[in-house]
Amino acid sequence: METLLLYLLIAVGLINILYYLFFANFSFVKEVIPNNQKIYPVSLLVCAKNEAENLERNVPKWLAQNHPNFELILIDDHSQDKTREIIERFAREDSRIIPVFVSANDRFVSGKKYALTLGIKKATHTRMVFTDADCKPASTAWLTKMSCHFSEQKAIVLGFGAYLKKPTLLNKIIRFETFITALQYFSYAKLGMPYMGVGRNLGYTRHLYESQNGFSAHMHIASGDDDLFVNAAGTSNNVSLCTESQAFTYSEPKTSFKAWFRQKRRHISTANQYKSRHKVLLAVYFIANFFFWILAAFGLFIAFKTTTIIVAVRVMVQLVVYFGAAKKLKQLDLLLFSPLLELFLICLQLPIFITNLVSSKPRWN
């Protein structure tokens, strides 16, 4: 029994290490920054639902971007607060703003995707960058940095949407989960298997959008305007990674476990729509992590010394790979706590998966 458990622990640990070696290509290989003399015109699209305060705070930051030729499309998805009034006021003050207002209509129940569809129809430029109403750019160079990654070949630009630091355990868990997600989608894209992006910081072209018939393939799913679109449209050749710190966006994280749990339920609900190979790879990663710690817990009682060595080797490889990625993504403060945060995250993700299996999915609100 002892021998079998240790063999299983070693096998699962090796699977973990193979994934970390896979991620190392992102962690330690320097990204190519385009030496692009041509700055393409770009449409910046923001969809807002009851985001009056965030728009008041962030519209000036978007308008302050140093990009020489952009328009800002602000989409009010039938808000109940003062979102419409704020958009109208900003539009009167700056001609670069194009307002779009979604009215209540029971025929359309697809939420954000329908609102974005209306916004994209209003966009006058071929290249589009998307962010959320609560996202502030890291610098005035954000939009230029993102748009420089477009080319004749590159139709999707994946950026990093970070969360602001707060002195709480929940904040560390949220930021760690965001870091791990980014490490994965950047790594997969870098190796020619793009599977997702995040709507907080994402770009793609109108031509690509139209070639996919917009969001029609998954309009019935509440989430997925970002990850499902990239999963369907991304190829080994048409995706570029924008990981310069000046091109990050930062959002306010959830402040309660209940709110974060609901948000993650909505995000995870799209995963079963991914391409089969992506679903398998992502599932194996989670399952291997889960069983590694389960087996390690039993192993400590049965063969303490050997189990400790196995865990130490696995954690050391993990930390080395995480260090390179955390340095790129400006998340080094999470590194010391990463094994503990991984355990917290596994324990929290499992009930999210189970809840999504047995109850209806939360919608865009």
Protein backbone atom coordinates (compact mmCIF):
# COMPACT_ATOMS: atom_id res chain seq x y z
CA MET A 1 0.00 0.00 0.00
CA GLU A 2 2.80 2.40 0.93
CA THR A 3 4.70 1.67 -2.29
CA LEU A 4 1.60 2.10 -4.46
CA LEU A 5 0.75 5.43 -2.85
CA LEU A 6 4.27 6.76 -3.37
CA TYR A 7 4.30 5.62 -7.00
CA LEU A 8 0.98 7.40 -7.53
CA LEU A 9 2.32 10.52 -5.84
CA ILE A 10 5.43 10.49 -8.03
CA ALA A 11 3.33 9.94 -11.18
CA VAL A 12 0.98 12.80 -10.37
CA GLY A 13 3.91 15.01 -9.36
CA LEU A 14 5.57 14.34 -12.71
CA ILE A 15 2.40 15.40 -14.51
CA ASN A 16 2.47 18.62 -12.48
CA ILE A 17 6.11 19.20 -13.40
CA LEU A 18 5.42 18.56 -17.11
CA TYR A 19 2.83 21.32 -17.01
CA TYR A 20 5.27 23.67 -15.28
CA LEU A 21 7.89 22.94 -17.96
CA PHE A 22 5.19 23.72 -20.51
CA PHE A 23 4.52 27.04 -18.76
CA ALA A 24 8.26 27.80 -18.59
CA ASN A 25 8.21 28.76 -22.25
CA PHE A 26 6.17 31.79 -21.27
CA SER A 27 7.96 32.40 -17.97
CA PHE A 28 11.51 32.58 -19.32
CA VAL A 29 11.34 33.31 -23.05
CA LYS A 30 11.31 37.03 -23.71
CA GLU A 31 8.28 38.29 -25.58
CA VAL A 32 8.83 39.93 -28.95
CA ILE A 33 7.79 43.57 -28.84
CA PRO A 34 6.66 44.64 -32.31
CA ASN A 35 8.87 47.20 -33.97
CA ASN A 36 5.84 48.58 -35.72
CA GLN A 37 6.17 52.03 -37.17
CA LYS A 38 2.53 52.08 -38.23
CA ILE A 39 0.01 52.90 -35.51
CA TYR A 40 -3.34 51.52 -36.63
CA PRO A 41 -6.56 53.39 -35.89
CA VAL A 42 -8.46 51.53 -33.20
CA SER A 43 -11.92 51.39 -31.65
CA LEU A 44 -12.01 51.00 -27.86
CA LEU A 45 -15.23 49.34 -26.69
CA VAL A 46 -16.56 49.33 -23.14
CA CYS A 47 -19.83 47.68 -22.15
CA ALA A 48 -21.41 49.01 -18.95
CA LYS A 49 -24.37 47.84 -16.89
CA ASN A 50 -25.04 49.97 -13.82
CA GLU A 51 -21.45 51.27 -13.84
CA ALA A 52 -22.02 54.99 -13.24
CA GLU A 53 -19.26 55.36 -10.64
CA ASN A 54 -16.70 53.39 -12.61
CA LEU A 55 -17.42 55.32 -15.80
CA GLU A 56 -17.06 58.63 -13.97
CA ARG A 57 -13.66 57.47 -12.76
CA ASN A 58 -12.31 55.68 -15.84
CA VAL A 59 -13.61 57.49 -18.94
CA PRO A 60 -11.04 60.29 -18.43
CA LYS A 61 -8.28 57.65 -18.18
CA TRP A 62 -9.35 56.03 -21.46
CA LEU A 63 -9.59 59.41 -23.18
CA ALA A 64 -6.10 60.30 -21.91
CA GLN A 65 -4.49 57.50 -23.94
CA ASN A 66 -1.65 58.73 -26.14
CA HIS A 67 -2.88 56.78 -29.17
CA PRO A 68 -3.16 59.28 -32.06
CA ASN A 69 -6.34 57.90 -33.66
CA PHE A 70 -8.97 56.12 -31.60
CA GLU A 71 -12.65 56.27 -30.80
CA LEU A 72 -14.29 55.26 -27.53
CA ILE A 73 -17.54 53.35 -27.86
CA LEU A 74 -19.46 53.38 -24.58
CA ILE A 75 -22.33 50.88 -24.47
CA ASP A 76 -25.05 51.22 -21.86
CA ASP A 77 -26.64 47.79 -21.43
CA HIS A 78 -30.02 49.00 -20.14
CA SER A 79 -28.66 50.32 -16.82
CA GLN A 80 -30.88 51.33 -13.95
CA ASP A 81 -28.51 53.89 -12.47
CA LYS A 82 -27.06 57.08 -14.01
CA THR A 83 -24.88 55.26 -16.54
CA ARG A 84 -26.78 56.71 -19.52
CA GLU A 85 -26.59 60.29 -18.24
CA ILE A 86 -22.86 60.00 -17.63
CA ILE A 87 -22.22 58.56 -21.10
CA GLU A 88 -24.29 61.33 -22.70
CA ARG A 89 -22.39 64.00 -20.78
CA PHE A 90 -18.98 62.65 -21.76
CA ALA A 91 -20.14 62.28 -25.38
CA ARG A 92 -21.11 65.97 -25.47
CA GLU A 93 -17.69 66.91 -24.16
CA ASP A 94 -15.54 64.73 -26.45
CA SER A 95 -16.30 63.90 -30.07
CA ARG A 96 -14.24 60.70 -29.88
CA ILE A 97 -16.98 59.09 -27.80
CA ILE A 98 -19.70 57.14 -29.61
CA PRO A 99 -22.59 56.27 -27.26
CA VAL A 100 -24.66 53.12 -27.73
CA PHE A 101 -27.81 52.52 -25.70
CA VAL A 102 -29.45 49.11 -25.33
CA SER A 103 -33.15 49.29 -24.52
CA ALA A 104 -35.14 46.69 -22.63
CA ASN A 105 -36.38 44.02 -24.99
CA ASP A 106 -37.57 40.61 -23.87
CA ARG A 107 -36.57 39.09 -27.19
CA PHE A 108 -32.93 39.60 -26.39
CA VAL A 109 -31.81 37.67 -23.34
CA SER A 110 -28.12 37.29 -24.18
CA GLY A 111 -27.03 40.21 -22.05
CA LYS A 112 -23.52 41.50 -22.64
CA LYS A 113 -23.00 39.75 -25.99
CA TYR A 114 -25.98 41.47 -27.53
CA ALA A 115 -24.82 44.82 -26.14
CA LEU A 116 -21.32 44.26 -27.52
CA THR A 117 -22.78 43.27 -30.89
CA LEU A 118 -24.51 46.66 -31.12
CA GLY A 119 -21.30 48.40 -30.09
CA ILE A 120 -19.21 46.56 -32.69
CA LYS A 121 -21.69 47.58 -35.38
CA LYS A 122 -21.00 51.20 -34.45
CA ALA A 123 -17.21 50.79 -34.56
CA THR A 124 -15.66 52.58 -37.53
CA HIS A 125 -12.19 51.01 -37.26
CA THR A 126 -11.13 47.49 -38.27
CA ARG A 127 -9.08 46.86 -35.14
CA MET A 128 -10.89 46.82 -31.80
CA VAL A 129 -9.75 46.72 -28.18
CA PHE A 130 -12.09 45.71 -25.36
CA THR A 131 -12.06 46.40 -21.64
CA ASP A 132 -14.58 46.54 -18.79
CA ALA A 133 -16.07 49.58 -17.13
CA ASP A 134 -14.22 48.92 -13.87
CA CYS A 135 -10.80 48.59 -15.57
CA LYS A 136 -8.24 51.35 -15.52
CA PRO A 137 -5.20 51.24 -17.82
CA ALA A 138 -1.77 50.93 -16.24
CA SER A 139 -0.48 53.85 -18.30
CA THR A 140 -1.38 56.30 -21.04
CA ALA A 141 0.49 53.98 -23.45
CA TRP A 142 -1.90 51.06 -22.89
CA LEU A 143 -3.98 51.45 -26.04
CA THR A 144 -0.94 52.08 -28.25
CA LYS A 145 0.89 49.06 -26.82
CA MET A 146 -2.11 46.82 -27.43
CA SER A 147 -2.84 48.10 -30.93
CA CYS A 148 0.82 47.78 -32.01
CA HIS A 149 0.46 44.02 -31.74
CA PHE A 150 -2.04 43.96 -34.59
CA SER A 151 -0.63 43.16 -38.02
CA GLU A 152 -1.76 41.64 -41.29
CA GLN A 153 -1.32 38.23 -39.67
CA LYS A 154 -2.15 38.93 -36.02
CA ALA A 155 -5.90 39.41 -35.57
CA ILE A 156 -6.14 38.72 -31.82
CA VAL A 157 -4.17 40.48 -29.08
CA LEU A 158 -4.18 38.94 -25.61
CA GLY A 159 -3.48 41.35 -22.75
CA PHE A 160 -3.29 40.94 -18.97
CA GLY A 161 -6.18 42.16 -16.82
CA ALA A 162 -4.87 42.34 -13.26
CA TYR A 163 -6.61 43.10 -9.98
CA LEU A 164 -5.55 45.77 -7.52
CA LYS A 165 -3.75 44.67 -4.35
CA LYS A 166 -5.63 44.67 -1.05
CA PRO A 167 -4.47 43.41 2.38
CA THR A 168 -6.88 40.45 2.57
CA LEU A 169 -6.71 36.70 2.03
CA LEU A 170 -9.52 36.86 -0.53
CA ASN A 171 -7.57 39.42 -2.52
CA LYS A 172 -4.54 37.15 -2.64
CA ILE A 173 -6.70 34.21 -3.75
CA ILE A 174 -8.36 36.31 -6.48
CA ARG A 175 -5.06 37.67 -7.73
CA PHE A 176 -3.41 34.24 -7.58
CA GLU A 177 -6.25 32.68 -9.59
CA THR A 178 -5.97 35.52 -12.12
CA PHE A 179 -2.20 35.01 -12.32
CA ILE A 180 -2.52 31.24 -12.87
CA THR A 181 -5.21 31.75 -15.51
CA ALA A 182 -3.01 34.26 -17.34
CA LEU A 183 0.02 31.96 -17.09
CA GLN A 184 -2.02 29.23 -18.74
CA TYR A 185 -3.66 31.20 -21.55
CA PHE A 186 -0.42 33.01 -22.40
CA SER A 187 1.51 29.71 -22.37
CA TYR A 188 -1.01 27.88 -24.55
CA ALA A 189 -1.16 30.77 -27.02
CA LYS A 190 2.63 31.05 -27.15
CA LEU A 191 2.85 27.39 -28.13
CA GLY A 192 0.20 27.72 -30.83
CA MET A 193 -2.85 26.57 -28.87
CA PRO A 194 -4.78 29.71 -27.88
CA TYR A 195 -7.83 28.82 -25.82
CA MET A 196 -9.03 32.01 -24.12
CA GLY A 197 -8.55 35.69 -23.40
CA VAL A 198 -10.09 38.04 -20.85
CA GLY A 199 -12.50 40.82 -21.73
CA ARG A 200 -10.74 43.16 -19.32
CA ASN A 201 -7.89 43.48 -21.83
CA LEU A 202 -8.42 41.98 -25.27
CA GLY A 203 -8.23 42.97 -28.91
CA TYR A 204 -9.42 41.49 -32.18
CA THR A 205 -10.33 42.64 -35.67
CA ARG A 206 -13.72 43.22 -37.22
CA HIS A 207 -12.81 40.84 -40.07
CA LEU A 208 -12.18 38.02 -37.60
CA TYR A 209 -15.38 38.83 -35.72
CA GLU A 210 -17.41 38.71 -38.92
CA SER A 211 -15.73 35.48 -40.07
CA GLN A 212 -17.03 33.87 -36.85
CA ASN A 213 -20.53 35.34 -37.30
CA GLY A 214 -19.92 37.31 -34.16
CA PHE A 215 -21.05 35.55 -30.98
CA SER A 216 -23.81 33.58 -32.70
CA ALA A 217 -22.34 30.17 -31.89
CA HIS A 218 -22.58 30.85 -28.14
CA MET A 219 -25.10 33.69 -27.87
CA HIS A 220 -27.24 31.46 -25.61
CA ILE A 221 -24.45 31.35 -22.98
CA ALA A 222 -24.22 34.25 -20.53
CA SER A 223 -20.41 34.45 -20.55
CA GLY A 224 -17.91 33.86 -23.30
CA ASP A 225 -17.72 37.10 -25.26
CA ASP A 226 -13.99 36.85 -24.56
CA ASP A 227 -12.85 33.27 -23.90
CA LEU A 228 -15.28 31.44 -26.18
CA PHE A 229 -14.59 33.88 -28.99
CA VAL A 230 -10.82 33.38 -28.69
CA ASN A 231 -11.28 29.63 -28.32
CA ALA A 232 -13.20 29.47 -31.59
CA ALA A 233 -11.26 32.07 -33.59
CA GLY A 234 -7.70 31.70 -32.29
CA THR A 235 -5.13 29.79 -34.34
CA SER A 236 -1.43 29.07 -34.07
CA ASN A 237 -0.71 32.06 -36.32
CA ASN A 238 -3.23 34.82 -35.60
CA VAL A 239 -2.65 35.54 -31.90
CA SER A 240 -0.16 37.99 -30.38
CA LEU A 241 0.71 38.39 -26.70
CA CYS A 242 0.97 41.84 -25.15
CA THR A 243 2.65 41.42 -21.75
CA GLU A 244 4.35 44.79 -21.29
CA SER A 245 3.47 46.20 -17.87
CA GLN A 246 2.40 49.51 -19.43
CA ALA A 247 -0.30 47.59 -21.30
CA PHE A 248 -1.92 45.99 -18.24
CA THR A 249 -5.34 46.95 -16.96
CA TYR A 250 -6.30 46.94 -13.29
CA SER A 251 -9.71 46.25 -11.77
CA GLU A 252 -11.19 46.42 -8.31
CA PRO A 253 -11.49 42.83 -7.02
CA LYS A 254 -14.55 41.41 -5.32
CA THR A 255 -14.60 42.01 -1.57
CA SER A 256 -16.71 39.04 -0.47
CA PHE A 257 -16.37 35.32 -1.07
CA LYS A 258 -20.02 35.19 -2.13
CA ALA A 259 -19.55 37.78 -4.89
CA TRP A 260 -16.33 36.16 -6.10
CA PHE A 261 -17.92 32.70 -6.01
CA ARG A 262 -20.74 33.93 -8.24
CA GLN A 263 -18.30 35.61 -10.63
CA LYS A 264 -16.20 32.43 -10.94
CA ARG A 265 -19.30 30.31 -11.49
CA ARG A 266 -20.15 32.49 -14.48
CA HIS A 267 -16.60 32.32 -15.85
CA ILE A 268 -16.18 28.57 -15.37
CA SER A 269 -19.57 27.85 -16.94
CA THR A 270 -18.07 28.47 -20.38
CA ALA A 271 -15.29 25.88 -20.08
CA ASN A 272 -17.41 22.97 -21.31
CA GLN A 273 -17.76 24.83 -24.63
CA TYR A 274 -14.00 24.83 -25.28
CA LYS A 275 -12.41 22.67 -27.95
CA SER A 276 -11.92 19.08 -26.78
CA ARG A 277 -8.12 19.22 -26.54
CA HIS A 278 -8.32 22.35 -24.38
CA LYS A 279 -10.89 20.78 -22.07
CA VAL A 280 -8.71 17.70 -21.64
CA LEU A 281 -5.51 19.65 -20.97
CA LEU A 282 -7.19 21.99 -18.49
CA ALA A 283 -8.99 19.14 -16.72
CA VAL A 284 -5.81 17.08 -16.36
CA TYR A 285 -4.01 20.11 -14.90
CA PHE A 286 -6.68 20.64 -12.24
CA ILE A 287 -7.13 16.94 -11.45
CA ALA A 288 -3.38 16.36 -11.17
CA ASN A 289 -3.02 19.30 -8.76
CA PHE A 290 -5.98 18.10 -6.72
CA PHE A 291 -4.76 14.53 -6.37
CA PHE A 292 -1.17 15.54 -5.74
CA TRP A 293 -2.13 17.27 -2.51
CA ILE A 294 -4.57 14.51 -1.50
CA LEU A 295 -1.90 11.84 -2.00
CA ALA A 296 0.73 14.02 -0.30
CA ALA A 297 -1.50 14.38 2.78
CA PHE A 298 -1.80 10.59 3.10
CA GLY A 299 1.87 10.11 2.22
CA LEU A 300 3.01 12.24 5.13
CA PHE A 301 1.47 9.74 7.54
CA ILE A 302 2.80 6.68 5.73
CA ALA A 303 6.27 7.73 4.50
CA PHE A 304 7.03 11.18 5.84
CA LYS A 305 10.60 11.59 4.59
CA THR A 306 10.02 10.35 1.04
CA THR A 307 6.79 12.31 0.68
CA THR A 308 8.49 15.48 1.92
CA ILE A 309 11.22 15.09 -0.70
CA ILE A 310 8.66 14.56 -3.50
CA VAL A 311 6.61 17.58 -2.40
CA ALA A 312 9.75 19.72 -2.07
CA VAL A 313 10.93 18.89 -5.59
CA ARG A 314 7.52 19.60 -7.09
CA VAL A 315 7.13 22.89 -5.19
CA MET A 316 10.66 24.03 -6.11
CA VAL A 317 9.99 23.49 -9.83
CA GLN A 318 6.68 25.28 -9.43
CA LEU A 319 8.25 28.27 -7.69
CA VAL A 320 11.02 28.63 -10.29
CA VAL A 321 8.48 28.70 -13.13
CA TYR A 322 6.09 30.94 -11.22
CA PHE A 323 8.94 33.35 -10.50
CA GLY A 324 9.55 34.04 -14.19
CA ALA A 325 5.85 34.55 -14.91
CA ALA A 326 5.21 36.57 -11.74
CA LYS A 327 8.10 38.87 -12.61
CA LYS A 328 6.59 39.49 -16.06
CA LEU A 329 3.10 40.05 -14.72
CA LYS A 330 4.15 42.08 -11.66
CA GLN A 331 2.77 39.57 -9.15
CA LEU A 332 5.95 38.66 -7.25
CA ASP A 333 4.33 39.29 -3.86
CA LEU A 334 2.22 36.13 -4.39
CA LEU A 335 5.23 33.87 -4.93
CA LEU A 336 6.04 33.03 -1.31
CA PHE A 337 2.43 32.04 -0.59
CA SER A 338 1.78 30.18 -3.86
CA PRO A 339 1.64 26.58 -2.48
CA LEU A 340 -0.81 27.67 0.21
CA LEU A 341 -2.83 29.76 -2.22
CA GLU A 342 -2.94 26.81 -4.61
CA LEU A 343 -4.50 24.70 -1.86
CA PHE A 344 -7.06 27.39 -1.07
CA LEU A 345 -7.89 27.73 -4.76
CA ILE A 346 -8.35 23.99 -5.27
CA CYS A 347 -10.65 23.80 -2.26
CA LEU A 348 -12.71 26.72 -3.59
CA GLN A 349 -12.82 25.68 -7.26
CA LEU A 350 -14.15 22.20 -6.54
CA PRO A 351 -17.47 23.43 -5.06
CA ILE A 352 -17.77 25.91 -7.96
CA PHE A 353 -17.55 23.05 -10.47
CA ILE A 354 -20.07 21.01 -8.48
CA THR A 355 -22.49 23.94 -8.05
CA ASN A 356 -22.42 24.63 -11.79
CA LEU A 357 -23.32 21.00 -12.47
CA VAL A 358 -26.40 21.00 -10.26
CA SER A 359 -27.82 24.53 -10.58
CA SER A 360 -28.51 27.20 -13.20
CA LYS A 361 -25.67 29.47 -14.29
CA PRO A 362 -25.48 33.10 -13.08
CA ARG A 363 -25.98 35.76 -15.74
CA TRP A 364 -24.33 39.07 -16.68
CA ASN A 365 -25.58 41.76 -14.32
